[in-house]
Structures are given as structure tokens and as C-alpha cells.
Protein backbone atom coordinates (compact mmCIF):
# COMPACT_ATOMS: atom_id res chain seq x y z
CA MET A 1 86.46 172.02 71.12
CA SER A 2 89.67 171.99 73.43
CA GLU A 3 90.00 173.50 76.75
CA ALA A 4 91.11 176.57 77.14
CA SER A 5 94.41 177.45 78.45
CA PRO A 6 94.81 178.04 81.35
CA PRO A 7 95.93 182.15 81.78
CA ASP A 8 99.65 183.12 81.86
CA LEU A 9 100.02 184.98 85.50
CA SER A 10 103.68 185.05 85.11
CA GLY A 11 104.29 188.65 84.55
CA ALA A 12 101.57 189.29 86.99
CA LEU A 13 103.66 187.16 88.97
CA ASP A 14 106.46 188.88 89.09
CA THR A 15 105.05 192.23 89.94
CA VAL A 16 104.40 190.76 93.06
CA GLU A 17 107.06 189.74 93.81
CA ARG A 18 108.43 192.70 93.47
CA TYR A 19 105.89 194.33 95.30
CA LEU A 20 106.30 191.84 98.76
CA LEU A 21 110.25 192.37 98.49
CA GLY A 22 110.85 195.95 97.72
CA ASP A 23 112.57 194.94 94.76
CA THR A 24 113.83 192.56 91.95
CA PRO A 25 116.19 190.46 93.70
CA ASN A 26 119.18 191.52 92.84
CA LEU A 27 121.66 189.40 95.99
CA THR A 28 122.96 186.29 96.62
CA GLN A 29 123.01 185.39 100.06
CA ALA A 30 126.37 185.46 100.31
CA GLU A 31 126.60 189.25 99.52
CA VAL A 32 123.26 189.28 101.71
CA CYS A 33 125.82 188.03 104.75
CA GLU A 34 128.66 190.24 104.34
CA ARG A 35 125.85 193.54 103.95
CA ALA A 36 124.53 192.19 107.69
CA GLY A 37 127.25 191.30 108.94
CA VAL A 38 126.69 188.67 110.17
CA PRO A 39 128.44 185.17 109.26
CA LEU A 40 127.16 183.06 105.68
CA GLU A 41 127.01 179.53 108.18
CA VAL A 42 124.43 181.88 110.90
CA GLY A 43 122.74 183.24 108.02
CA ARG A 44 122.64 179.88 105.74
CA GLU A 45 120.69 178.23 108.98
CA LEU A 46 118.36 180.91 109.50
CA TRP A 47 117.21 180.59 105.61
CA ARG A 48 116.80 177.26 106.96
CA LEU A 49 115.24 177.51 109.94
CA LEU A 50 112.68 179.38 108.44
CA GLY A 51 110.94 176.23 105.67
CA PHE A 52 112.97 177.96 102.82
CA ALA A 53 114.14 176.29 100.20
CA HIS A 54 118.31 175.31 99.64
CA LEU A 55 119.54 177.61 96.85
CA PRO A 56 122.59 177.57 95.08
CA GLU A 57 125.20 180.35 96.12
CA ASP A 58 125.53 181.74 93.02
CA ALA A 59 121.82 182.76 93.61
CA VAL A 60 120.43 185.69 92.86
CA ALA A 61 117.33 185.44 94.87
CA PHE A 62 117.58 188.27 97.29
CA THR A 63 117.35 192.03 97.99
CA GLU A 64 117.87 194.62 100.86
CA ALA A 65 114.51 193.76 102.89
CA ASP A 66 117.06 191.19 103.58
CA VAL A 67 119.51 191.58 104.57
CA ALA A 68 117.56 194.05 107.37
CA ALA A 69 115.87 190.91 108.24
CA LEU A 70 119.34 189.44 109.45
CA ARG A 71 120.40 193.11 110.72
CA TYR A 72 117.41 192.99 112.81
CA THR A 73 117.87 188.82 114.00
CA HIS A 74 121.34 190.16 114.60
CA ASP A 75 119.95 193.25 117.11
CA LEU A 76 117.59 190.89 119.26
CA VAL A 77 121.35 188.69 119.65
CA GLY A 78 123.49 191.20 121.13
CA LEU A 79 120.74 193.07 123.08
CA GLY A 80 119.79 189.27 124.93
CA VAL A 81 116.53 188.72 124.02
CA LEU A 82 117.94 186.03 121.21
CA ASP A 83 120.14 183.20 122.38
CA ALA A 84 121.62 180.02 120.13
CA GLU A 85 118.20 178.41 121.28
CA ARG A 86 115.39 180.58 121.19
CA GLN A 87 117.16 182.41 117.55
CA ALA A 88 116.14 178.64 116.61
CA ALA A 89 113.09 178.09 117.82
CA LEU A 90 111.25 181.38 117.23
CA VAL A 91 112.73 181.57 114.10
CA ARG A 92 111.48 177.94 112.73
CA THR A 93 108.17 179.27 114.81
CA TRP A 94 107.87 181.73 112.26
CA GLY A 95 108.36 179.75 108.99
CA ARG A 96 105.96 177.53 110.02
CA SER A 97 103.02 180.00 111.11
CA PHE A 98 103.98 182.37 108.28
CA ALA A 99 104.07 179.54 105.82
CA ARG A 100 100.77 177.98 106.69
CA LEU A 101 99.33 181.42 106.80
CA ALA A 102 100.67 182.05 103.08
CA GLU A 103 99.49 179.43 101.28
CA TRP A 104 96.35 180.16 102.73
CA GLN A 105 96.06 183.29 101.65
CA THR A 106 97.33 182.74 98.03
CA ARG A 107 95.16 180.42 97.21
CA LEU A 108 91.93 182.83 97.89
CA LEU A 109 93.87 185.44 96.21
CA THR A 110 94.22 182.90 93.45
CA ASP A 111 91.00 181.88 93.39
CA VAL A 112 90.02 185.48 93.39
CA ALA A 113 91.61 186.74 90.68
CA LEU A 114 91.09 183.06 88.09
CA GLU A 115 87.53 184.37 88.41
CA SER A 116 88.34 188.00 86.97
CA PRO A 117 88.28 187.97 82.95
CA ASP A 118 91.69 190.09 82.65
CA PRO A 119 93.37 187.62 86.11
CA ALA A 120 97.04 188.58 85.13
CA ALA A 121 95.57 192.34 86.08
CA GLN A 122 93.19 191.19 88.42
CA VAL A 123 96.66 189.68 90.35
CA ALA A 124 98.74 192.70 89.93
CA ASP A 125 95.31 194.96 91.59
CA LEU A 126 95.45 192.61 94.16
CA ALA A 127 98.85 193.54 95.20
CA SER A 128 98.13 196.73 95.40
CA GLU A 129 95.13 197.07 96.63
CA VAL A 130 94.82 194.35 99.51
CA LEU A 131 98.31 193.24 100.38
CA PRO A 132 98.28 196.46 102.31
CA ARG A 133 95.27 196.31 104.18
CA VAL A 134 96.25 192.42 104.65
CA GLU A 135 99.72 193.74 106.49
CA ALA A 136 98.09 195.53 108.60
CA LEU A 137 95.80 194.08 110.01
CA GLN A 138 98.21 191.80 110.65
CA SER A 139 100.37 193.86 112.35
CA TYR A 140 97.47 195.10 114.50
CA VAL A 141 96.02 191.09 115.14
CA TRP A 142 99.60 189.86 115.97
CA ARG A 143 100.16 193.21 119.31
CA ARG A 144 96.37 192.55 119.98
CA HIS A 145 97.41 188.45 120.94
CA LEU A 146 100.41 190.28 122.51
CA ALA A 147 98.87 192.15 125.05
CA SER A 148 96.32 189.78 125.78
CA ALA A 149 99.21 187.12 126.53
CA GLY A 150 101.22 189.81 128.62
CA ASN A 151 98.41 190.39 130.55
CA ARG A 152 97.79 186.39 130.92
CA LEU A 153 101.30 185.89 132.07
CA MET A 154 101.36 188.79 134.57
CA ALA A 155 98.34 188.17 136.23
CA SER A 156 99.23 184.83 136.61
CA ASP A 157 102.79 184.89 137.62
CA SER A 158 104.01 185.09 141.37
CA ALA A 159 107.48 184.83 142.73
CA ASP A 160 108.54 181.54 142.73
CA THR A 161 106.53 180.77 139.40
CA ALA A 162 107.66 184.09 137.28
CA GLY A 163 110.20 182.44 133.92
CA SER A 164 107.92 179.56 134.10
CA ASP A 165 107.06 177.57 131.13
CA SER A 166 104.84 175.72 133.34
CA SER A 167 100.92 176.79 134.18
CA THR A 168 98.38 174.60 135.30
CA LEU A 169 95.43 174.82 133.21
CA ALA A 170 92.37 172.43 131.35
CA VAL A 171 93.49 170.77 128.03
CA VAL A 172 90.44 169.68 125.90
CA PHE A 173 91.01 167.73 122.32
CA VAL A 174 87.77 167.55 120.15
CA ASP A 175 87.69 164.92 117.86
CA ILE A 176 85.59 164.82 115.06
CA VAL A 177 83.79 161.11 115.24
CA GLY A 178 84.02 159.13 111.12
CA PHE A 179 85.88 161.67 109.63
CA THR A 180 87.60 159.22 107.54
CA SER A 181 84.45 157.25 105.95
CA ARG A 182 82.80 160.88 105.89
CA SER A 183 85.42 162.85 104.23
CA LYS A 184 85.17 159.95 101.34
CA GLU A 185 81.61 161.17 100.82
CA LEU A 186 82.43 164.55 99.80
CA THR A 187 84.26 166.71 96.90
CA GLU A 188 87.13 168.15 98.15
CA GLY A 189 85.05 171.52 98.64
CA GLU A 190 83.05 169.83 100.21
CA LEU A 191 85.36 168.65 102.74
CA VAL A 192 87.36 172.13 102.82
CA GLN A 193 83.59 173.84 103.90
CA TRP A 194 83.10 170.73 106.54
CA ILE A 195 86.38 171.38 108.27
CA GLU A 196 86.06 174.88 107.71
CA HIS A 197 82.83 175.29 109.29
CA PHE A 198 84.47 172.51 112.05
CA GLU A 199 86.69 174.46 113.70
CA ALA A 200 84.90 178.03 113.18
CA GLU A 201 82.62 176.91 115.12
CA CYS A 202 85.22 175.27 117.38
CA SER A 203 86.91 178.44 117.85
CA GLY A 204 84.08 180.72 119.01
CA LEU A 205 82.75 177.98 121.20
CA VAL A 206 86.17 178.45 123.06
CA VAL A 207 86.75 182.62 122.92
CA ASP A 208 83.18 182.63 124.16
CA HIS A 209 84.23 180.54 127.51
CA GLY A 210 88.11 182.03 127.90
CA GLY A 211 89.73 179.56 126.01
CA ARG A 212 92.27 179.44 123.82
CA VAL A 213 92.66 177.60 120.44
CA ILE A 214 95.75 176.07 120.28
CA LYS A 215 95.85 174.18 116.79
CA ASN A 216 93.82 172.21 114.66
CA ILE A 217 95.66 169.24 113.91
CA GLY A 218 93.36 167.86 111.05
CA ASP A 219 89.48 166.48 112.36
CA GLU A 220 90.42 167.13 115.76
CA VAL A 221 90.96 170.60 117.91
CA LEU A 222 93.24 170.72 121.27
CA PHE A 223 91.82 173.53 123.44
CA VAL A 224 92.88 175.60 126.62
CA ALA A 225 91.50 177.11 129.60
CA ASP A 226 92.53 178.27 132.61
CA ASP A 227 89.23 177.85 134.01
CA VAL A 228 88.53 173.98 134.21
CA ALA A 229 85.05 174.32 134.61
CA ALA A 230 84.24 176.68 131.56
CA ALA A 231 86.95 173.79 129.84
CA ALA A 232 83.99 171.36 130.40
CA GLU A 233 81.28 173.90 129.47
CA ALA A 234 82.74 174.25 125.59
CA ALA A 235 83.17 170.89 125.26
CA LEU A 236 79.56 169.26 126.93
CA LEU A 237 78.45 171.78 123.70
CA MET A 238 80.85 170.90 121.63
CA THR A 239 79.09 167.14 122.22
CA ALA A 240 75.51 168.27 122.15
CA ARG A 241 75.88 169.74 119.10
CA GLY A 242 77.72 167.11 117.19
CA SER A 243 74.37 164.55 119.13
CA ASP A 244 72.32 166.73 117.12
CA GLY A 245 70.54 165.68 114.00
CA ASP A 246 69.45 169.87 113.23
CA ASP A 247 72.72 170.87 113.64
CA ALA A 248 75.41 170.53 110.46
CA PHE A 249 77.94 171.23 113.34
CA PRO A 250 79.35 166.66 113.09
CA ALA A 251 79.55 164.06 116.12
CA VAL A 252 82.33 164.53 118.30
CA ARG A 253 84.06 163.01 121.26
CA ALA A 254 85.68 165.14 123.80
CA GLY A 255 88.20 164.49 126.09
CA LEU A 256 89.27 166.74 128.96
CA ALA A 257 92.90 166.65 131.33
CA TYR A 258 93.32 169.14 133.87
CA GLY A 259 97.15 169.65 135.51
CA ASP A 260 100.38 171.23 134.92
CA VAL A 261 101.62 171.70 131.36
CA VAL A 262 104.18 173.03 129.91
CA SER A 263 103.90 175.92 127.76
CA ARG A 264 106.57 177.27 124.59
CA LEU A 265 106.13 178.82 121.65
CA GLY A 266 102.27 177.85 121.13
CA ASP A 267 102.06 175.08 121.77
CA VAL A 268 101.98 173.32 125.20
CA PHE A 269 103.13 169.89 126.10
CA GLY A 270 103.40 167.17 129.59
CA PRO A 271 101.37 164.30 130.20
CA THR A 272 98.35 166.43 131.10
CA VAL A 273 98.12 167.20 127.38
CA ASN A 274 99.03 163.89 126.43
CA VAL A 275 96.53 162.39 129.20
CA ALA A 276 93.82 164.72 127.32
CA ALA A 277 94.97 162.73 124.45
CA ARG A 278 94.08 159.35 124.86
CA LEU A 279 90.91 160.53 127.11
CA THR A 280 89.73 161.30 123.30
CA SER A 281 90.63 157.96 121.31
CA ILE A 282 88.64 155.78 124.10
CA ALA A 283 86.03 157.74 124.79
CA ARG A 284 82.51 157.38 122.81
CA PRO A 285 80.92 159.86 120.14
CA GLY A 286 78.84 162.23 122.42
CA THR A 287 80.40 162.55 125.28
CA VAL A 288 83.71 164.11 127.20
CA LEU A 289 85.61 162.18 128.75
CA VAL A 290 87.53 163.29 132.00
CA ASP A 291 90.75 162.74 133.85
CA VAL A 292 92.02 163.02 137.51
CA GLY A 293 93.03 166.09 138.62
CA ALA A 294 89.73 167.60 135.99
CA HIS A 295 86.73 165.12 138.80
CA GLU A 296 88.94 166.87 141.45
CA ALA A 297 88.25 169.90 140.40
CA LEU A 298 84.61 169.75 139.04
CA ALA A 299 82.83 167.27 141.79
CA GLY A 300 81.63 169.59 143.84
CA ASP A 301 80.14 171.19 140.62
CA GLU A 302 76.02 170.24 140.98
CA GLY A 303 74.84 171.16 138.07
CA LEU A 304 77.28 167.97 136.04
CA GLU A 305 77.39 164.52 137.16
CA LEU A 306 80.83 162.24 136.68
CA ARG A 307 80.19 158.94 136.78
CA ARG A 308 83.05 156.66 136.39
CA LEU A 309 84.03 154.13 133.77
CA ARG A 310 86.09 150.88 134.78
CA ARG A 311 90.23 151.64 134.02
CA THR A 312 91.53 151.24 131.21
CA SER A 313 94.97 150.67 129.76
CA VAL A 314 96.12 153.11 126.46
CA LYS A 315 99.86 153.81 124.99
CA GLY A 316 101.42 155.56 127.93
CA TYR A 317 99.39 154.92 130.86
CA PRO A 318 98.46 151.02 131.75
CA HIS A 319 95.26 151.42 134.37
CA LEU A 320 93.99 155.61 132.84
CA ARG A 321 91.19 156.79 135.31
CA SER A 322 88.54 158.29 133.78
CA TRP A 323 84.95 159.56 134.34
CA ALA A 324 82.87 160.81 132.10
CA LEU A 325 81.21 164.15 131.99
CA ARG A 326 77.66 165.05 131.50
CA ARG A 327 74.97 167.97 133.16
CA SER A 328 73.26 166.87 135.48
């Protein structure tokens, strides 16, 4: 008996594309730039920064929505909000973030459609029923995060630090122990489920302790917090759960550093971040290692014990000082 051929979704995908783009593509890139009043080379560069594939000059792949987007960008430049450097950085960040989000959402909707007796019809229905709600929720989440970020910035900035990208933060990396060997034992679906459970639980613990997840990097989570004690508590909870054989949370190790951090476009940089990463790489399973800055900030906490370790040589830090953190 031959395998059933996959359903033909091409017609439904055309319908979805028209819905998402507002029309059937009917413009070339040159025509978009002309209508928006933007030089062609600028339009091409923005397209590239967004992470979209290069298209031939005669490719009819654009709609009036692209014209409007280019005009909005031009308006922001004219208002002085975006200079050339900020424009490139912002567009790159949009491209990366929305590309990952779109991949996940498309996979989710496709899986739902394929469970239907008529996948093509289901795709079209999802486009009209689900996507408007997803779009509205994305706008809501963005606005809430914008309000939260604005409150943090205005609460922490003084006249001396206004406009600066630098702030004092606790930076924590949490790494799954034995990820490579464990992943070989799991099916693709089981691996995805395992990682998603890890990320979801970490996100919950971080948020509960007033922190912010910066990014998930495969088997690792990077988060920051204004309060170093709260960051330490979150890290200790994760290592404790990972050491509990009855908990589905994987075994982890963590590194915590406290000091000046440069924040840019949702990411963090600087020596404090580098030290936290190095500490994680040398931490034993189920332990949290902290740097000098975190040690000084936590030393007076009677509920915590800090055991000094031998200096360690790691990349970029030949004599790294560290302490093992645990509850008293």
C-alpha cells in the first residue's frame, strides 16, 4: 500500500499571503521605493537587514503595505527618531525576532490544519479567524512590555545616567547538564517538549523574582535582575529543582555575576555578562557560582552561605575568583 501523498496547500497559502499582505503582490522593489519616495539602494538595504532573501529586480513580490512601511521608516528618520546606525540596528532586531516568531506560529498553524479532514480549507479559515487575534495580542504584549521598560528606565535613570545604555544588574546563565547525551535518547518531539518545559519553568521562576529573560540559547537561559538577592534565589531554586529526581526539571548549573552591564536592543553585553558565562562553564552540576561583585552584595545575607573556591583560569580571565553559593 503506497503512502498517502501530502495535501496540496498551495491555493490556501495564496489566500493566506493575500490576507497577510493586504493584496496580491503587484509591485517590484523599484516601484515600492518610487512610491514611497525612498532611494532604491535604501529600500534594498532595509529589505536585506530584515533578513529577507535577495530578489531579482523584476520580481513582482510587493504590495502597498510595503510602500506604507517604507514611508513610516522614512518618517521616523525625518522626525529624528532614527539615524542611520539606529535604523540598521532596529531593523535587524525586528527581522531576527519576527522571523523566529513567524516560524513557530506557522508550524503551529500548519500542524493544526493537517489534523483537519480538509487541510487547505482549514488553513484559509485559520487565516481569517486566528491571525487577527494573534496580531491583536502581539500588539498588546508589545505595548505592555514598552510600558514596563519605560517605567524601569525612568525609575533608574538620574541626570548623570540619562541616555546611557549602562546599568548595574545581576546576570545569570543557567545551563542544562548533560544536554548532548540526553538529547540523543529523545525523539524529535520529546526533545522539543523537554526544552519547552525547561524554558517555560525558567521564565516563570525569573518573572516571579522580578527578573527578565534575555534569551534562550538552546540548552541555556540568560536572565537579568535589578536585585542580586532575587537573582540568586531564582538560580538556587532552579538548581534545587534540577537535583530533585522526582522533578521533571533538568539538572542544571548556574553562574551569577553582578556589575555594570550594557543593554542594547533587548540583549546585554560587557565583562559582567562574560564572567557569568565563564562561571557557568566551570560550575559543577547542581551548583551556583558567583563572582566578586555578587559576593560583595550577598555577603551580609544570613540566609546564604558563600564558599570561596580556588582561582580558575578560563578564556579571557586567567585568575577568575569565584564562590559557591548555597543556602545556610
